Amino acid sequence: MDGQTRELIAIGASVCAHCQPCVSYHVAKARELGVSEDSIREAVAVGQAVERGAGAAMREYAAKVTGEGPAGAGRG
């Protein structure tokens, strides 16, 4: 895998992991390697999409495991 691809993956993973220092590092490294700003923004967007999906899945799973039913429904 080339360095540009590695940094784009790292950017998305860092966004998903909510690691601000990691995002800063990997964006700077990607720029050093000549990655376009459009590609960097796309990697950020992919990380955000994964995070949203994982968050929604975890809310559903936690509700199921705790017997809460649909997320936010609660058991009065």
PDB file of N, CA and C in Angstrom:
ATOM      1  N   MET A   1       0.864  -1.176   0.000  1.00  0.00           N
ATOM      2  CA  MET A   1       0.000   0.000   0.000  1.00  0.00           C
ATOM      3  C   MET A   1       0.905   1.232   0.000  1.00  0.00           C
ATOM      4  N   ASP A   2       0.553   2.189  -0.816  1.00  0.00           N
ATOM      5  CA  ASP A   2       1.388   3.394  -0.867  1.00  0.00           C
ATOM      6  C   ASP A   2       1.077   4.328   0.302  1.00  0.00           C
ATOM      7  N   GLY A   3       1.979   5.266   0.538  1.00  0.00           N
ATOM      8  CA  GLY A   3       1.860   6.176   1.678  1.00  0.00           C
ATOM      9  C   GLY A   3       0.631   7.066   1.634  1.00  0.00           C
ATOM     10  N   GLN A   4       0.261   7.515   0.434  1.00  0.00           N
ATOM     11  CA  GLN A   4      -0.926   8.371   0.320  1.00  0.00           C
ATOM     12  C   GLN A   4      -2.181   7.622   0.752  1.00  0.00           C
ATOM     13  N   THR A   5      -2.325   6.400   0.266  1.00  0.00           N
ATOM     14  CA  THR A   5      -3.494   5.595   0.632  1.00  0.00           C
ATOM     15  C   THR A   5      -3.507   5.326   2.126  1.00  0.00           C
ATOM     16  N   ARG A   6      -2.347   4.991   2.667  1.00  0.00           N
ATOM     17  CA  ARG A   6      -2.247   4.731   4.108  1.00  0.00           C
ATOM     18  C   ARG A   6      -2.697   5.944   4.919  1.00  0.00           C
ATOM     19  N   GLU A   7      -2.272   7.125   4.521  1.00  0.00           N
ATOM     20  CA  GLU A   7      -2.649   8.330   5.272  1.00  0.00           C
ATOM     21  C   GLU A   7      -4.136   8.636   5.132  1.00  0.00           C
ATOM     22  N   LEU A   8      -4.707   8.398   3.964  1.00  0.00           N
ATOM     23  CA  LEU A   8      -6.149   8.619   3.805  1.00  0.00           C
ATOM     24  C   LEU A   8      -6.943   7.665   4.699  1.00  0.00           C
ATOM     25  N   ILE A   9      -6.517   6.426   4.768  1.00  0.00           N
ATOM     26  CA  ILE A   9      -7.174   5.471   5.665  1.00  0.00           C
ATOM     27  C   ILE A   9      -7.018   5.931   7.115  1.00  0.00           C
ATOM     28  N   ALA A  10      -5.815   6.361   7.462  1.00  0.00           N
ATOM     29  CA  ALA A  10      -5.562   6.820   8.830  1.00  0.00           C
ATOM     30  C   ALA A  10      -6.405   8.046   9.182  1.00  0.00           C
ATOM     31  N   ILE A  11      -6.627   8.922   8.217  1.00  0.00           N
ATOM     32  CA  ILE A  11      -7.483  10.087   8.467  1.00  0.00           C
ATOM     33  C   ILE A  11      -8.901   9.630   8.793  1.00  0.00           C
ATOM     34  N   GLY A  12      -9.458   8.768   7.971  1.00  0.00           N
ATOM     35  CA  GLY A  12     -10.814   8.275   8.227  1.00  0.00           C
ATOM     36  C   GLY A  12     -10.924   7.561   9.562  1.00  0.00           C
ATOM     37  N   ALA A  13      -9.945   6.724   9.861  1.00  0.00           N
ATOM     38  CA  ALA A  13      -9.957   5.991  11.134  1.00  0.00           C
ATOM     39  C   ALA A  13      -9.831   6.947  12.314  1.00  0.00           C
ATOM     40  N   SER A  14      -9.003   7.963  12.171  1.00  0.00           N
ATOM     41  CA  SER A  14      -8.813   8.935  13.252  1.00  0.00           C
ATOM     42  C   SER A  14     -10.079   9.735  13.522  1.00  0.00           C
ATOM     43  N   VAL A  15     -10.769  10.111  12.450  1.00  0.00           N
ATOM     44  CA  VAL A  15     -12.040  10.831  12.607  1.00  0.00           C
ATOM     45  C   VAL A  15     -13.044   9.930  13.333  1.00  0.00           C
ATOM     46  N   CYS A  16     -13.142   8.694  12.887  1.00  0.00           N
ATOM     47  CA  CYS A  16     -14.079   7.741  13.484  1.00  0.00           C
ATOM     48  C   CYS A  16     -13.759   7.509  14.961  1.00  0.00           C
ATOM     49  N   ALA A  17     -12.469   7.514  15.301  1.00  0.00           N
ATOM     50  CA  ALA A  17     -12.032   7.277  16.678  1.00  0.00           C
ATOM     51  C   ALA A  17     -12.072   8.540  17.546  1.00  0.00           C
ATOM     52  N   HIS A  18     -12.443   9.666  16.951  1.00  0.00           N
ATOM     53  CA  HIS A  18     -12.510  10.946  17.671  1.00  0.00           C
ATOM     54  C   HIS A  18     -11.150  11.362  18.229  1.00  0.00           C
ATOM     55  N   CYS A  19     -10.077  11.054  17.507  1.00  0.00           N
ATOM     56  CA  CYS A  19      -8.722  11.383  17.962  1.00  0.00           C
ATOM     57  C   CYS A  19      -8.229  12.637  17.245  1.00  0.00           C
ATOM     58  N   GLN A  20      -8.405  13.787  17.878  1.00  0.00           N
ATOM     59  CA  GLN A  20      -8.025  15.050  17.250  1.00  0.00           C
ATOM     60  C   GLN A  20      -6.532  15.141  16.943  1.00  0.00           C
ATOM     61  N   PRO A  21      -5.645  14.736  17.863  1.00  0.00           N
ATOM     62  CA  PRO A  21      -4.221  14.794  17.513  1.00  0.00           C
ATOM     63  C   PRO A  21      -3.885  13.882  16.331  1.00  0.00           C
ATOM     64  N   CYS A  22      -4.567  12.743  16.251  1.00  0.00           N
ATOM     65  CA  CYS A  22      -4.328  11.816  15.141  1.00  0.00           C
ATOM     66  C   CYS A  22      -4.766  12.432  13.823  1.00  0.00           C
ATOM     67  N   VAL A  23      -5.931  13.082  13.803  1.00  0.00           N
ATOM     68  CA  VAL A  23      -6.415  13.728  12.580  1.00  0.00           C
ATOM     69  C   VAL A  23      -5.409  14.780  12.138  1.00  0.00           C
ATOM     70  N   SER A  24      -4.963  15.607  13.062  1.00  0.00           N
ATOM     71  CA  SER A  24      -3.996  16.661  12.719  1.00  0.00           C
ATOM     72  C   SER A  24      -2.723  16.067  12.133  1.00  0.00           C
ATOM     73  N   TYR A  25      -2.203  15.038  12.766  1.00  0.00           N
ATOM     74  CA  TYR A  25      -0.970  14.408  12.304  1.00  0.00           C
ATOM     75  C   TYR A  25      -1.147  13.821  10.905  1.00  0.00           C
ATOM     76  N   HIS A  26      -2.205  13.042  10.713  1.00  0.00           N
ATOM     77  CA  HIS A  26      -2.372  12.337   9.449  1.00  0.00           C
ATOM     78  C   HIS A  26      -2.754  13.272   8.300  1.00  0.00           C
ATOM     79  N   VAL A  27      -3.492  14.344   8.591  1.00  0.00           N
ATOM     80  CA  VAL A  27      -3.777  15.327   7.541  1.00  0.00           C
ATOM     81  C   VAL A  27      -2.476  16.009   7.118  1.00  0.00           C
ATOM     82  N   ALA A  28      -1.646  16.395   8.081  1.00  0.00           N
ATOM     83  CA  ALA A  28      -0.370  17.032   7.751  1.00  0.00           C
ATOM     84  C   ALA A  28       0.518  16.081   6.949  1.00  0.00           C
ATOM     85  N   LYS A  29       0.572  14.822   7.364  1.00  0.00           N
ATOM     86  CA  LYS A  29       1.386  13.829   6.658  1.00  0.00           C
ATOM     87  C   LYS A  29       0.864  13.614   5.232  1.00  0.00           C
ATOM     88  N   ALA A  30      -0.461  13.548   5.085  1.00  0.00           N
ATOM     89  CA  ALA A  30      -1.055  13.379   3.749  1.00  0.00           C
ATOM     90  C   ALA A  30      -0.680  14.559   2.852  1.00  0.00           C
ATOM     91  N   ARG A  31      -0.745  15.759   3.389  1.00  0.00           N
ATOM     92  CA  ARG A  31      -0.365  16.940   2.605  1.00  0.00           C
ATOM     93  C   ARG A  31       1.102  16.877   2.192  1.00  0.00           C
ATOM     94  N   GLU A  32       1.983  16.451   3.116  1.00  0.00           N
ATOM     95  CA  GLU A  32       3.403  16.288   2.791  1.00  0.00           C
ATOM     96  C   GLU A  32       3.599  15.330   1.623  1.00  0.00           C
ATOM     97  N   LEU A  33       2.745  14.313   1.554  1.00  0.00           N
ATOM     98  CA  LEU A  33       2.858  13.295   0.509  1.00  0.00           C
ATOM     99  C   LEU A  33       2.147  13.699  -0.785  1.00  0.00           C
ATOM    100  N   GLY A  34       1.553  14.901  -0.799  1.00  0.00           N
ATOM    101  CA  GLY A  34       0.924  15.405  -2.012  1.00  0.00           C
ATOM    102  C   GLY A  34      -0.511  14.979  -2.227  1.00  0.00           C
ATOM    103  N   VAL A  35      -1.170  14.538  -1.165  1.00  0.00           N
ATOM    104  CA  VAL A  35      -2.586  14.159  -1.283  1.00  0.00           C
ATOM    105  C   VAL A  35      -3.411  15.427  -1.491  1.00  0.00           C
ATOM    106  N   SER A  36      -4.366  15.378  -2.398  1.00  0.00           N
ATOM    107  CA  SER A  36      -5.191  16.553  -2.691  1.00  0.00           C
ATOM    108  C   SER A  36      -6.132  16.875  -1.525  1.00  0.00           C
ATOM    109  N   GLU A  37      -6.493  18.147  -1.438  1.00  0.00           N
ATOM    110  CA  GLU A  37      -7.429  18.575  -0.394  1.00  0.00           C
ATOM    111  C   GLU A  37      -8.785  17.884  -0.559  1.00  0.00           C
ATOM    112  N   ASP A  38      -9.200  17.681  -1.803  1.00  0.00           N
ATOM    113  CA  ASP A  38     -10.461  16.973  -2.050  1.00  0.00           C
ATOM    114  C   ASP A  38     -10.410  15.551  -1.496  1.00  0.00           C
ATOM    115  N   SER A  39      -9.298  14.862  -1.689  1.00  0.00           N
ATOM    116  CA  SER A  39      -9.163  13.494  -1.172  1.00  0.00           C
ATOM    117  C   SER A  39      -9.144  13.481   0.349  1.00  0.00           C
ATOM    118  N   ILE A  40      -8.495  14.466   0.942  1.00  0.00           N
ATOM    119  CA  ILE A  40      -8.467  14.565   2.411  1.00  0.00           C
ATOM    120  C   ILE A  40      -9.880  14.789   2.937  1.00  0.00           C
ATOM    121  N   ARG A  41     -10.620  15.705   2.312  1.00  0.00           N
ATOM    122  CA  ARG A  41     -12.004  15.955   2.743  1.00  0.00           C
ATOM    123  C   ARG A  41     -12.863  14.708   2.580  1.00  0.00           C
ATOM    124  N   GLU A  42     -12.628  13.964   1.502  1.00  0.00           N
ATOM    125  CA  GLU A  42     -13.390  12.730   1.283  1.00  0.00           C
ATOM    126  C   GLU A  42     -13.073  11.693   2.362  1.00  0.00           C
ATOM    127  N   ALA A  43     -11.814  11.589   2.752  1.00  0.00           N
ATOM    128  CA  ALA A  43     -11.433  10.659   3.823  1.00  0.00           C
ATOM    129  C   ALA A  43     -12.099  11.049   5.140  1.00  0.00           C
ATOM    130  N   VAL A  44     -12.165  12.344   5.413  1.00  0.00           N
ATOM    131  CA  VAL A  44     -12.855  12.821   6.617  1.00  0.00           C
ATOM    132  C   VAL A  44     -14.336  12.439   6.541  1.00  0.00           C
ATOM    133  N   ALA A  45     -14.957  12.650   5.402  1.00  0.00           N
ATOM    134  CA  ALA A  45     -16.377  12.328   5.235  1.00  0.00           C
ATOM    135  C   ALA A  45     -16.633  10.834   5.414  1.00  0.00           C
ATOM    136  N   VAL A  46     -15.741  10.004   4.908  1.00  0.00           N
ATOM    137  CA  VAL A  46     -15.903   8.557   5.085  1.00  0.00           C
ATOM    138  C   VAL A  46     -15.804   8.200   6.575  1.00  0.00           C
ATOM    139  N   GLY A  47     -14.830   8.772   7.268  1.00  0.00           N
ATOM    140  CA  GLY A  47     -14.702   8.530   8.707  1.00  0.00           C
ATOM    141  C   GLY A  47     -15.941   8.955   9.469  1.00  0.00           C
ATOM    142  N   GLN A  48     -16.517  10.091   9.089  1.00  0.00           N
ATOM    143  CA  GLN A  48     -17.738  10.572   9.739  1.00  0.00           C
ATOM    144  C   GLN A  48     -18.906   9.634   9.465  1.00  0.00           C
ATOM    145  N   ALA A  49     -19.004   9.132   8.245  1.00  0.00           N
ATOM    146  CA  ALA A  49     -20.092   8.212   7.895  1.00  0.00           C
ATOM    147  C   ALA A  49     -19.976   6.906   8.678  1.00  0.00           C
ATOM    148  N   VAL A  50     -18.757   6.393   8.790  1.00  0.00           N
ATOM    149  CA  VAL A  50     -18.551   5.159   9.554  1.00  0.00           C
ATOM    150  C   VAL A  50     -18.918   5.391  11.018  1.00  0.00           C
ATOM    151  N   GLU A  51     -18.490   6.527  11.555  1.00  0.00           N
ATOM    152  CA  GLU A  51     -18.794   6.846  12.963  1.00  0.00           C
ATOM    153  C   GLU A  51     -20.294   6.945  13.190  1.00  0.00           C
ATOM    154  N   ARG A  52     -21.008   7.576  12.269  1.00  0.00           N
ATOM    155  CA  ARG A  52     -22.471   7.685  12.415  1.00  0.00           C
ATOM    156  C   ARG A  52     -23.121   6.308  12.395  1.00  0.00           C
ATOM    157  N   GLY A  53     -22.697   5.476  11.465  1.00  0.00           N
ATOM    158  CA  GLY A  53     -23.260   4.132  11.367  1.00  0.00           C
ATOM    159  C   GLY A  53     -22.949   3.301  12.594  1.00  0.00           C
ATOM    160  N   ALA A  54     -21.715   3.379  13.064  1.00  0.00           N
ATOM    161  CA  ALA A  54     -21.328   2.620  14.259  1.00  0.00           C
ATOM    162  C   ALA A  54     -22.083   3.126  15.482  1.00  0.00           C
ATOM    163  N   GLY A  55     -22.256   4.433  15.579  1.00  0.00           N
ATOM    164  CA  GLY A  55     -22.998   4.994  16.712  1.00  0.00           C
ATOM    165  C   GLY A  55     -24.448   4.551  16.718  1.00  0.00           C
ATOM    166  N   ALA A  56     -25.076   4.567  15.553  1.00  0.00           N
ATOM    167  CA  ALA A  56     -26.472   4.141  15.461  1.00  0.00           C
ATOM    168  C   ALA A  56     -26.600   2.661  15.804  1.00  0.00           C
ATOM    169  N   ALA A  57     -25.688   1.850  15.296  1.00  0.00           N
ATOM    170  CA  ALA A  57     -25.725   0.412  15.578  1.00  0.00           C
ATOM    171  C   ALA A  57     -25.516   0.149  17.070  1.00  0.00           C
ATOM    172  N   MET A  58     -24.627   0.886  17.699  1.00  0.00           N
ATOM    173  CA  MET A  58     -24.379   0.692  19.128  1.00  0.00           C
ATOM    174  C   MET A  58     -25.578   1.128  19.961  1.00  0.00           C
ATOM    175  N   ARG A  59     -26.242   2.214  19.577  1.00  0.00           N
ATOM    176  CA  ARG A  59     -27.434   2.636  20.320  1.00  0.00           C
ATOM    177  C   ARG A  59     -28.507   1.557  20.255  1.00  0.00           C
ATOM    178  N   GLU A  60     -28.711   0.984  19.075  1.00  0.00           N
ATOM    179  CA  GLU A  60     -29.681  -0.107  18.926  1.00  0.00           C
ATOM    180  C   GLU A  60     -29.285  -1.312  19.751  1.00  0.00           C
ATOM    181  N   TYR A  61     -28.019  -1.686  19.675  1.00  0.00           N
ATOM    182  CA  TYR A  61     -27.535  -2.853  20.399  1.00  0.00           C
ATOM    183  C   TYR A  61     -27.679  -2.651  21.905  1.00  0.00           C
ATOM    184  N   ALA A  62     -27.289  -1.490  22.406  1.00  0.00           N
ATOM    185  CA  ALA A  62     -27.386  -1.219  23.841  1.00  0.00           C
ATOM    186  C   ALA A  62     -28.837  -1.255  24.300  1.00  0.00           C
ATOM    187  N   ALA A  63     -29.744  -0.727  23.491  1.00  0.00           N
ATOM    188  CA  ALA A  63     -31.163  -0.763  23.840  1.00  0.00           C
ATOM    189  C   ALA A  63     -31.658  -2.201  23.893  1.00  0.00           C
ATOM    190  N   LYS A  64     -31.234  -3.012  22.947  1.00  0.00           N
ATOM    191  CA  LYS A  64     -31.639  -4.414  22.915  1.00  0.00           C
ATOM    192  C   LYS A  64     -31.104  -5.169  24.125  1.00  0.00           C
ATOM    193  N   VAL A  65     -29.834  -5.005  24.407  1.00  0.00           N
ATOM    194  CA  VAL A  65     -29.194  -5.720  25.507  1.00  0.00           C
ATOM    195  C   VAL A  65     -29.784  -5.327  26.855  1.00  0.00           C
ATOM    196  N   THR A  66     -30.167  -4.084  27.001  1.00  0.00           N
ATOM    197  CA  THR A  66     -30.707  -3.619  28.283  1.00  0.00           C
ATOM    198  C   THR A  66     -32.223  -3.738  28.366  1.00  0.00           C
ATOM    199  N   GLY A  67     -32.842  -4.235  27.293  1.00  0.00           N
ATOM    200  CA  GLY A  67     -34.289  -4.384  27.302  1.00  0.00           C
ATOM    201  C   GLY A  67     -35.037  -3.085  27.164  1.00  0.00           C
ATOM    202  N   GLU A  68     -34.354  -2.074  26.654  1.00  0.00           N
ATOM    203  CA  GLU A  68     -34.965  -0.755  26.519  1.00  0.00           C
ATOM    204  C   GLU A  68     -35.850  -0.636  25.295  1.00  0.00           C
ATOM    205  N   GLY A  69     -35.800  -1.585  24.390  1.00  0.00           N
ATOM    206  CA  GLY A  69     -36.561  -1.471  23.155  1.00  0.00           C
ATOM    207  C   GLY A  69     -35.874  -0.488  22.221  1.00  0.00           C
ATOM    208  N   PRO A  70     -36.632   0.180  21.368  1.00  0.00           N
ATOM    209  CA  PRO A  70     -36.016   1.143  20.451  1.00  0.00           C
ATOM    210  C   PRO A  70     -35.241   2.201  21.203  1.00  0.00           C
ATOM    211  N   ALA A  71     -34.138   2.620  20.629  1.00  0.00           N
ATOM    212  CA  ALA A  71     -33.275   3.619  21.273  1.00  0.00           C
ATOM    213  C   ALA A  71     -34.090   4.807  21.737  1.00  0.00           C
ATOM    214  N   GLY A  72     -33.888   5.199  22.992  1.00  0.00           N
ATOM    215  CA  GLY A  72     -34.578   6.363  23.544  1.00  0.00           C
ATOM    216  C   GLY A  72     -35.958   6.072  24.093  1.00  0.00           C
ATOM    217  N   ALA A  73     -36.482   4.847  23.907  1.00  0.00           N
ATOM    218  CA  ALA A  73     -37.839   4.555  24.350  1.00  0.00           C
ATOM    219  C   ALA A  73     -37.924   4.458  25.865  1.00  0.00           C
ATOM    220  N   GLY A  74     -36.924   3.870  26.479  1.00  0.00           N
ATOM    221  CA  GLY A  74     -36.924   3.735  27.946  1.00  0.00           C
ATOM    222  C   GLY A  74     -38.002   2.801  28.447  1.00  0.00           C
ATOM    223  N   ARG A  75     -37.965   2.530  29.734  1.00  0.00           N
ATOM    224  CA  ARG A  75     -38.959   1.651  30.361  1.00  0.00           C
ATOM    225  C   ARG A  75     -39.719   2.394  31.435  1.00  0.00           C
ATOM    226  N   GLY A  76     -40.143   3.541  31.198  1.00  0.00           N
ATOM    227  CA  GLY A  76     -40.957   4.315  32.107  1.00  0.00           C
ATOM    228  C   GLY A  76     -40.740   4.128  33.488  1.00  0.00           C
TER     229      GLY A  76
END
